Amino acid sequence: MFNRRNFCQASVLACGAFAVASSHLANAAAVMAKVGQPLTEVAHLDWLCNAVGLTSTGRLFVGLPRWPGFENTPSIAEVLPNGTLKPFPGGDWNEWEPGKPNAKALVKINTIHIFDDDTLWAIDQGEDAGPHGINPGQKILQFDTRNGKLLRSITLAPAVLPAGANLNDLRLDSGHAYLTDSGLGAIIVVNLATGVSVRRLADHPSTKMSPERRPIGEEGRPLQMPDGSDHQVHSDPIEISPDGKWLYYQPLSGPLWRVPTEALRDTQMSEKALGDTVEFVYDTGPLTGTAIDSAGNLYLAEYDRPRITVLSPDGSLRVVAEDPKLWNPDAMIISNTRELYIPVPQSARMAANRGPGGVDGLVRPFKIYKLQLPALYGNRETVPALVGKPLA
């Protein structure tokens, strides 16, 4: 059904003077020392932040999801030079409450991205309709960062986003948006010129979280729902290779896979034939966020260790930074000055993710860090502008 060729040789090399190799449980319980690149605090926030975006002129935007306990966030905001937050795009967009219209409102933002044209893209998961419902207000949004003008609002038909589906993350190429569905497991491709969208790999094991691979977080604690069941997060992090030919993705608990983007876009290719093009990449542990640079290095935000690792095209896995400040990092970005920005929402410490009777272990305020990438790694990956010339 799929190609198990391991394109990466599994080796773990620390950037410091020692190698790290032990079980996830032992690693999670270990006393951590600081390893690799030093961290610089970029911002501290009262709201939980799981994603960041940066314009070419250095304006910093944050994604503030309405997760349990954080229902009153503005959803998206700009971090001003004095550290305060300015809701973006402003007005009714940031003031949604249950019962209000959701078409032109930020309901439950799961991620934001600012690509090379300086427009801001956001995934809105809409109102929670449960595992068997279709979320009202689930949509893909694109805004002009200069004035907050809405450039696109994309909704998907039930055949593409059926009951139980949850849009999770997205990446772009010169004409398409690629999205992961973490609710049921699938890759969705949207042709941004025609509006045509397709659902792919919905029945393929690479988009599904295996029950045998539990989502382990801090101190070896599994990520659990209030009823005691494991939190099922199917296809989640996603990246496109610098040449645009490969889409990388994985369920929360791993492993990492890739599929040719050309095959995903080929609506004449059967699901079986498409599944045969999927390749196993690396036996990763739980990941909540990723980034990729111009050299094809994949940066991995590990969930069961407070660290960022980098998987290089030659198959080596190196530690970029390991620090107790980095428990449960999320959606990372690389700036034009080769700095890796890391939001730390501490999602495994949320009471809602700690099973029956879960106790809130969040440490406030919430931090965003950055680190300078070593010279051996690449620059920010280029993403073609989708609104003509870059806004800046």
Protein backbone atom coordinates (compact mmCIF):
# COMPACT_ATOMS: atom_id res chain seq x y z
CA MET A 1 0.00 0.00 0.00
CA PHE A 2 2.91 2.34 0.54
CA ASN A 3 6.67 2.46 0.13
CA ARG A 4 8.50 1.68 3.39
CA ARG A 5 11.84 2.83 1.95
CA ASN A 6 13.58 4.70 4.75
CA PHE A 7 14.94 7.78 3.04
CA CYS A 8 16.70 8.80 6.29
CA GLN A 9 19.30 6.89 8.26
CA ALA A 10 18.34 7.09 11.95
CA SER A 11 21.18 8.70 13.86
CA VAL A 12 20.91 11.14 16.75
CA LEU A 13 23.72 13.64 17.13
CA ALA A 14 23.77 16.42 19.70
CA CYS A 15 25.17 19.79 18.70
CA GLY A 16 26.99 19.76 22.05
CA ALA A 17 29.55 17.22 23.20
CA PHE A 18 27.26 14.21 23.71
CA ALA A 19 24.71 12.08 21.93
CA VAL A 20 21.18 11.55 23.21
CA ALA A 21 19.62 8.11 22.92
CA SER A 22 17.09 6.56 25.30
CA SER A 23 13.39 5.76 25.61
CA HIS A 24 10.76 8.49 25.39
CA LEU A 25 9.68 7.82 28.98
CA ALA A 26 13.18 8.03 30.39
CA ASN A 27 13.89 11.12 28.33
CA ALA A 28 10.76 12.88 29.58
CA ALA A 29 11.65 12.24 33.20
CA ALA A 30 15.31 13.19 32.90
CA VAL A 31 16.72 16.33 34.45
CA MET A 32 17.36 18.59 31.50
CA ALA A 33 20.50 20.55 30.78
CA LYS A 34 20.64 23.34 28.22
CA VAL A 35 22.04 22.10 24.91
CA GLY A 36 22.64 23.77 21.54
CA GLN A 37 21.73 27.32 20.56
CA PRO A 38 20.79 29.85 23.28
CA LEU A 39 17.21 31.08 23.44
CA THR A 40 16.16 34.73 23.32
CA GLU A 41 12.72 35.70 24.63
CA VAL A 42 10.73 37.54 21.95
CA ALA A 43 7.46 38.11 23.81
CA HIS A 44 5.47 37.02 26.84
CA LEU A 45 1.69 36.86 26.67
CA ASP A 46 -1.27 36.41 28.97
CA TRP A 47 -2.96 34.30 26.27
CA LEU A 48 -1.85 30.87 25.13
CA CYS A 49 -0.05 31.20 21.77
CA ASN A 50 0.50 28.22 19.45
CA ALA A 51 1.60 29.96 16.22
CA VAL A 52 3.49 33.04 15.08
CA GLY A 53 3.89 34.98 11.85
CA LEU A 54 6.50 37.57 10.87
CA THR A 55 6.37 40.06 8.00
CA SER A 56 9.42 41.04 5.98
CA THR A 57 9.52 44.31 7.92
CA GLY A 58 9.59 42.52 11.29
CA ARG A 59 5.95 42.87 12.42
CA LEU A 60 5.10 39.94 14.70
CA PHE A 61 1.65 38.35 14.71
CA VAL A 62 0.41 35.62 17.05
CA GLY A 63 -2.28 32.94 16.91
CA LEU A 64 -4.25 32.71 20.15
CA PRO A 65 -6.60 29.70 19.93
CA ARG A 66 -9.87 29.53 21.86
CA TRP A 67 -8.92 26.31 23.62
CA PRO A 68 -10.57 25.36 26.94
CA GLY A 69 -9.92 28.13 29.46
CA PHE A 70 -9.00 30.65 26.75
CA GLU A 71 -12.37 31.32 25.13
CA ASN A 72 -12.06 35.12 25.35
CA THR A 73 -8.87 35.62 23.34
CA PRO A 74 -8.85 37.95 20.30
CA SER A 75 -7.74 34.89 18.25
CA ILE A 76 -5.14 36.80 16.19
CA ALA A 77 -3.13 39.81 17.31
CA GLU A 78 -0.06 41.85 16.42
CA VAL A 79 2.60 42.17 19.11
CA LEU A 80 3.46 45.87 19.19
CA PRO A 81 7.00 47.12 19.98
CA ASN A 82 5.95 47.89 23.59
CA GLY A 83 4.79 44.30 24.07
CA THR A 84 1.06 44.99 24.02
CA LEU A 85 -1.34 43.17 21.71
CA LYS A 86 -3.40 44.78 18.94
CA PRO A 87 -6.28 42.54 17.76
CA PHE A 88 -6.03 41.69 14.05
CA PRO A 89 -7.75 42.38 11.72
CA GLY A 90 -9.88 44.24 14.27
CA GLY A 91 -13.54 44.93 14.92
CA ASP A 92 -16.12 42.15 14.81
CA TRP A 93 -13.54 39.67 13.50
CA ASN A 94 -11.94 39.44 16.95
CA GLU A 95 -15.08 39.64 19.08
CA TRP A 96 -16.88 36.38 18.29
CA GLU A 97 -18.96 34.69 20.99
CA PRO A 98 -21.25 31.65 20.81
CA GLY A 99 -24.48 32.59 19.07
CA LYS A 100 -22.88 35.30 16.92
CA PRO A 101 -22.50 34.95 13.10
CA ASN A 102 -19.28 33.14 12.18
CA ALA A 103 -18.73 33.88 8.48
CA LYS A 104 -16.74 37.06 9.15
CA ALA A 105 -15.43 36.21 12.59
CA LEU A 106 -12.44 34.38 14.03
CA VAL A 107 -14.07 31.46 15.84
CA LYS A 108 -11.33 29.00 16.73
CA ILE A 109 -8.03 29.83 15.07
CA ASN A 110 -5.68 26.85 15.04
CA THR A 111 -2.73 28.33 13.17
CA ILE A 112 -1.50 31.42 11.33
CA HIS A 113 1.19 31.84 8.68
CA ILE A 114 2.80 34.79 6.92
CA PHE A 115 4.53 33.74 3.74
CA ASP A 116 6.76 35.72 1.39
CA ASP A 117 4.05 38.07 0.09
CA ASP A 118 3.41 39.34 3.66
CA THR A 119 -0.23 38.25 3.63
CA LEU A 120 -1.52 36.43 6.71
CA TRP A 121 -3.22 33.05 6.33
CA ALA A 122 -5.25 31.47 9.11
CA ILE A 123 -7.03 28.19 9.70
CA ASP A 124 -10.32 28.64 11.54
CA GLN A 125 -11.68 25.35 12.89
CA GLY A 126 -15.08 26.91 13.55
CA GLU A 127 -17.54 25.96 16.27
CA ASP A 128 -16.98 22.51 17.76
CA ALA A 129 -19.72 20.19 16.49
CA GLY A 130 -18.21 17.08 18.10
CA PRO A 131 -16.61 14.03 16.47
CA HIS A 132 -19.64 13.34 14.27
CA GLY A 133 -20.62 16.86 13.23
CA ILE A 134 -19.60 19.47 10.69
CA ASN A 135 -18.12 22.52 12.41
CA PRO A 136 -20.01 25.72 11.51
CA GLY A 137 -17.62 28.48 10.49
CA GLN A 138 -14.67 26.23 9.55
CA LYS A 139 -12.70 28.12 6.89
CA ILE A 140 -9.37 29.22 5.42
CA LEU A 141 -8.66 32.95 5.56
CA GLN A 142 -6.13 35.29 3.93
CA PHE A 143 -5.67 38.90 5.08
CA ASP A 144 -3.65 41.91 3.97
CA THR A 145 -1.37 42.66 6.94
CA ARG A 146 -1.18 46.36 6.05
CA ASN A 147 -4.86 47.15 6.52
CA GLY A 148 -6.57 43.94 7.70
CA LYS A 149 -8.53 43.60 4.46
CA LEU A 150 -9.90 40.12 3.81
CA LEU A 151 -8.40 38.75 0.58
CA ARG A 152 -9.88 35.24 0.62
CA SER A 153 -12.28 33.17 2.65
CA ILE A 154 -12.40 29.55 1.53
CA THR A 155 -14.99 27.08 2.78
CA LEU A 156 -14.93 23.42 1.81
CA ALA A 157 -17.78 21.17 0.74
CA PRO A 158 -18.82 18.25 3.00
CA ALA A 159 -17.31 15.81 0.50
CA VAL A 160 -13.90 17.41 1.15
CA LEU A 161 -14.41 18.26 4.82
CA PRO A 162 -16.91 15.69 6.14
CA ALA A 163 -18.40 15.37 9.61
CA GLY A 164 -15.66 14.94 12.22
CA ALA A 165 -12.97 16.61 10.11
CA ASN A 166 -10.82 19.39 11.56
CA LEU A 167 -8.55 21.56 9.47
CA ASN A 168 -5.18 21.73 11.21
CA ASP A 169 -2.35 23.33 9.25
CA LEU A 170 -1.51 24.54 5.75
CA ARG A 171 1.33 25.20 3.35
CA LEU A 172 1.37 26.84 -0.08
CA ASP A 173 3.08 26.45 -3.41
CA SER A 174 2.72 28.70 -6.46
CA GLY A 175 -0.94 27.89 -6.94
CA HIS A 176 -2.23 25.51 -4.28
CA ALA A 177 -2.93 25.26 -0.59
CA TYR A 178 -2.19 21.92 1.11
CA LEU A 179 -3.95 21.24 4.41
CA THR A 180 -4.00 18.50 7.01
CA ASP A 181 -7.21 17.17 8.52
CA SER A 182 -6.41 16.10 12.07
CA GLY A 183 -9.96 15.09 12.94
CA LEU A 184 -10.28 12.11 10.59
CA GLY A 185 -6.92 12.07 8.84
CA ALA A 186 -6.41 13.26 5.24
CA ILE A 187 -4.57 15.72 3.03
CA ILE A 188 -6.69 18.40 1.34
CA VAL A 189 -5.52 20.26 -1.76
CA VAL A 190 -7.14 23.53 -2.86
CA ASN A 191 -6.47 25.01 -6.29
CA LEU A 192 -6.33 28.71 -5.43
CA ALA A 193 -6.97 29.81 -9.02
CA THR A 194 -10.10 27.70 -9.66
CA GLY A 195 -11.30 27.07 -6.10
CA VAL A 196 -11.51 23.33 -6.77
CA SER A 197 -10.58 21.25 -3.71
CA VAL A 198 -9.91 17.52 -3.29
CA ARG A 199 -9.54 15.18 -0.32
CA ARG A 200 -6.66 12.71 -0.61
CA LEU A 201 -5.18 9.82 1.42
CA ALA A 202 -8.26 9.73 3.67
CA ASP A 203 -8.02 5.93 3.91
CA HIS A 204 -4.23 5.68 4.03
CA PRO A 205 -2.44 4.66 7.24
CA SER A 206 0.06 7.52 6.91
CA THR A 207 -2.62 10.08 7.80
CA LYS A 208 -3.90 8.12 10.81
CA MET A 209 -2.65 8.12 14.38
CA SER A 210 -1.98 4.53 15.41
CA PRO A 211 -3.48 3.52 18.79
CA GLU A 212 -0.21 1.70 19.51
CA ARG A 213 1.72 4.98 19.32
CA ARG A 214 0.33 6.93 22.27
CA PRO A 215 0.77 10.73 22.28
CA ILE A 216 3.28 11.07 25.12
CA GLY A 217 3.99 14.51 26.56
CA GLU A 218 5.88 15.89 29.54
CA GLU A 219 7.12 13.41 32.17
CA GLY A 220 5.86 10.48 30.12
CA ARG A 221 2.23 11.53 30.63
CA PRO A 222 -0.07 10.57 27.73
CA LEU A 223 -2.22 13.24 26.16
CA GLN A 224 -5.73 12.25 27.30
CA MET A 225 -9.28 13.50 26.94
CA PRO A 226 -11.36 14.18 30.08
CA ASP A 227 -13.02 10.76 29.62
CA GLY A 228 -9.62 9.02 29.83
CA SER A 229 -9.25 8.15 26.15
CA ASP A 230 -6.09 9.10 24.29
CA HIS A 231 -6.33 12.37 22.38
CA GLN A 232 -6.53 11.30 18.73
CA VAL A 233 -4.75 13.79 16.47
CA HIS A 234 -4.37 12.47 12.95
CA SER A 235 -2.43 14.20 10.14
CA ASP A 236 -1.01 17.32 11.79
CA PRO A 237 2.36 19.01 10.99
CA ILE A 238 2.99 19.63 7.29
CA GLU A 239 5.84 20.99 5.15
CA ILE A 240 6.73 21.35 1.47
CA SER A 241 10.27 20.70 0.25
CA PRO A 242 12.18 23.70 -1.18
CA ASP A 243 11.78 22.39 -4.73
CA GLY A 244 8.03 21.96 -4.19
CA LYS A 245 8.10 18.28 -5.14
CA TRP A 246 7.41 16.66 -1.75
CA LEU A 247 4.86 17.19 0.98
CA TYR A 248 5.95 16.01 4.44
CA TYR A 249 3.38 15.21 7.13
CA GLN A 250 2.67 13.03 10.13
CA PRO A 251 0.05 12.24 12.77
CA LEU A 252 0.80 13.82 16.15
CA SER A 253 2.54 10.70 17.47
CA GLY A 254 4.48 9.96 14.25
CA PRO A 255 6.07 8.62 12.15
CA LEU A 256 6.97 11.11 9.41
CA TRP A 257 5.91 10.50 5.78
CA ARG A 258 6.16 12.24 2.45
CA VAL A 259 4.18 12.15 -0.81
CA PRO A 260 4.83 13.80 -4.20
CA THR A 261 2.83 17.02 -4.54
CA GLU A 262 2.28 16.30 -8.25
CA ALA A 263 0.58 13.03 -7.35
CA LEU A 264 -1.62 14.76 -4.76
CA ARG A 265 -2.78 17.26 -7.38
CA ASP A 266 -3.45 14.58 -10.03
CA THR A 267 -7.19 14.02 -9.72
CA GLN A 268 -6.96 11.25 -12.34
CA MET A 269 -4.70 9.19 -10.04
CA SER A 270 -6.58 6.64 -7.96
CA GLU A 271 -6.27 6.61 -4.18
CA LYS A 272 -4.52 3.24 -4.39
CA ALA A 273 -1.97 4.55 -6.89
CA LEU A 274 -1.48 7.68 -4.80
CA GLY A 275 -0.94 5.56 -1.69
CA ASP A 276 1.77 3.64 -3.51
CA THR A 277 3.75 6.88 -3.92
CA VAL A 278 3.82 7.59 -0.16
CA GLU A 279 7.26 7.13 1.42
CA PHE A 280 8.24 6.52 5.03
CA VAL A 281 10.78 9.16 6.08
CA TYR A 282 11.69 8.83 9.75
CA ASP A 283 10.45 7.20 12.94
CA THR A 284 9.77 10.45 14.75
CA GLY A 285 8.18 10.73 18.16
CA PRO A 286 5.26 13.08 18.89
CA LEU A 287 5.58 16.43 17.09
CA THR A 288 3.37 19.48 17.43
CA GLY A 289 5.15 21.81 15.02
CA THR A 290 7.67 21.82 12.20
CA ALA A 291 9.55 24.21 9.91
CA ILE A 292 11.73 23.68 6.85
CA ASP A 293 14.59 25.76 5.46
CA SER A 294 15.90 26.42 1.96
CA ALA A 295 18.32 23.48 2.22
CA GLY A 296 15.56 21.00 3.07
CA ASN A 297 16.38 20.69 6.78
CA LEU A 298 13.25 19.82 8.76
CA TYR A 299 12.98 21.40 12.23
CA LEU A 300 10.96 19.30 14.66
CA ALA A 301 9.17 20.61 17.77
CA GLU A 302 9.24 17.53 19.99
CA TYR A 303 6.35 16.90 22.36
CA ASP A 304 7.92 14.44 24.77
CA ARG A 305 11.13 16.43 25.29
CA PRO A 306 11.75 20.16 25.71
CA ARG A 307 13.78 20.43 22.55
CA ILE A 308 13.98 21.30 18.87
CA THR A 309 15.79 18.86 16.59
CA VAL A 310 16.66 19.13 12.91
CA LEU A 311 16.38 16.27 10.43
CA SER A 312 18.78 16.89 7.55
CA PRO A 313 18.52 15.45 4.02
CA ASP A 314 21.53 13.23 4.76
CA GLY A 315 19.49 11.46 7.47
CA SER A 316 21.16 12.93 10.55
CA LEU A 317 19.06 14.15 13.46
CA ARG A 318 20.74 16.89 15.50
CA VAL A 319 19.65 18.87 18.51
CA VAL A 320 19.23 22.57 17.75
CA ALA A 321 18.16 23.52 21.28
CA GLU A 322 17.20 21.63 24.43
CA ASP A 323 16.02 23.70 27.37
CA PRO A 324 13.43 23.30 30.15
CA LYS A 325 11.74 26.40 28.71
CA LEU A 326 10.75 24.43 25.60
CA TRP A 327 8.17 21.97 26.92
CA ASN A 328 5.55 21.50 24.17
CA PRO A 329 6.75 23.95 21.51
CA ASP A 330 4.45 24.39 18.52
CA ALA A 331 4.28 25.94 15.03
CA MET A 332 7.72 27.42 14.30
CA ILE A 333 8.84 29.83 11.59
CA ILE A 334 12.20 30.89 10.13
CA SER A 335 12.76 34.61 9.66
CA ASN A 336 14.56 36.38 6.81
CA THR A 337 17.54 36.72 9.17
CA ARG A 338 17.71 32.93 9.74
CA GLU A 339 16.23 33.03 13.22
CA LEU A 340 13.92 30.22 14.33
CA TYR A 341 10.86 31.54 16.19
CA ILE A 342 9.33 29.11 18.69
CA PRO A 343 5.95 29.62 20.42
CA VAL A 344 5.54 27.51 23.57
CA PRO A 345 1.83 26.99 24.39
CA GLN A 346 2.51 24.16 26.91
CA SER A 347 -0.55 22.33 25.54
CA ALA A 348 0.25 19.09 27.40
CA ARG A 349 -0.11 21.00 30.68
CA MET A 350 -3.72 22.01 29.97
CA ALA A 351 -6.26 20.42 32.29
CA ALA A 352 -8.32 19.38 29.25
CA ASN A 353 -5.39 17.27 28.00
CA ARG A 354 -4.67 15.51 31.30
CA GLY A 355 -7.46 12.98 31.47
CA PRO A 356 -10.15 12.57 34.13
CA GLY A 357 -9.82 15.18 36.86
CA GLY A 358 -6.96 16.84 34.98
CA VAL A 359 -5.27 19.68 36.84
CA ASP A 360 -4.03 22.79 35.06
CA GLY A 361 -0.22 22.82 35.05
CA LEU A 362 0.28 25.85 32.79
CA VAL A 363 3.05 28.28 33.71
CA ARG A 364 2.14 31.86 32.90
CA PRO A 365 2.93 34.08 31.10
CA PHE A 366 3.25 32.23 27.81
CA LYS A 367 6.55 32.74 26.01
CA ILE A 368 7.79 33.03 22.45
CA TYR A 369 11.49 32.41 21.91
CA LYS A 370 13.89 32.66 19.02
CA LEU A 371 17.35 31.29 18.28
CA GLN A 372 19.93 31.95 15.60
CA LEU A 373 20.32 29.00 13.26
CA PRO A 374 23.88 27.66 12.95
CA ALA A 375 25.72 28.48 9.75
CA LEU A 376 25.46 24.89 8.45
CA TYR A 377 21.66 25.21 8.04
CA GLY A 378 19.70 26.99 5.34
CA ASN A 379 17.70 30.19 4.98
CA ARG A 380 13.97 30.77 5.05
CA GLU A 381 12.25 28.67 2.40
CA THR A 382 10.81 30.75 -0.44
CA VAL A 383 7.02 30.64 -0.87
CA PRO A 384 5.75 32.27 -4.08
CA ALA A 385 3.51 35.32 -3.70
CA LEU A 386 -0.16 34.55 -4.31
CA VAL A 387 -1.40 38.14 -4.60
CA GLY A 388 0.99 39.38 -7.24
CA LYS A 389 3.84 41.43 -5.85
CA PRO A 390 4.67 41.16 -2.14
CA LEU A 391 2.68 43.63 -0.06
CA ALA A 392 5.84 45.12 1.45
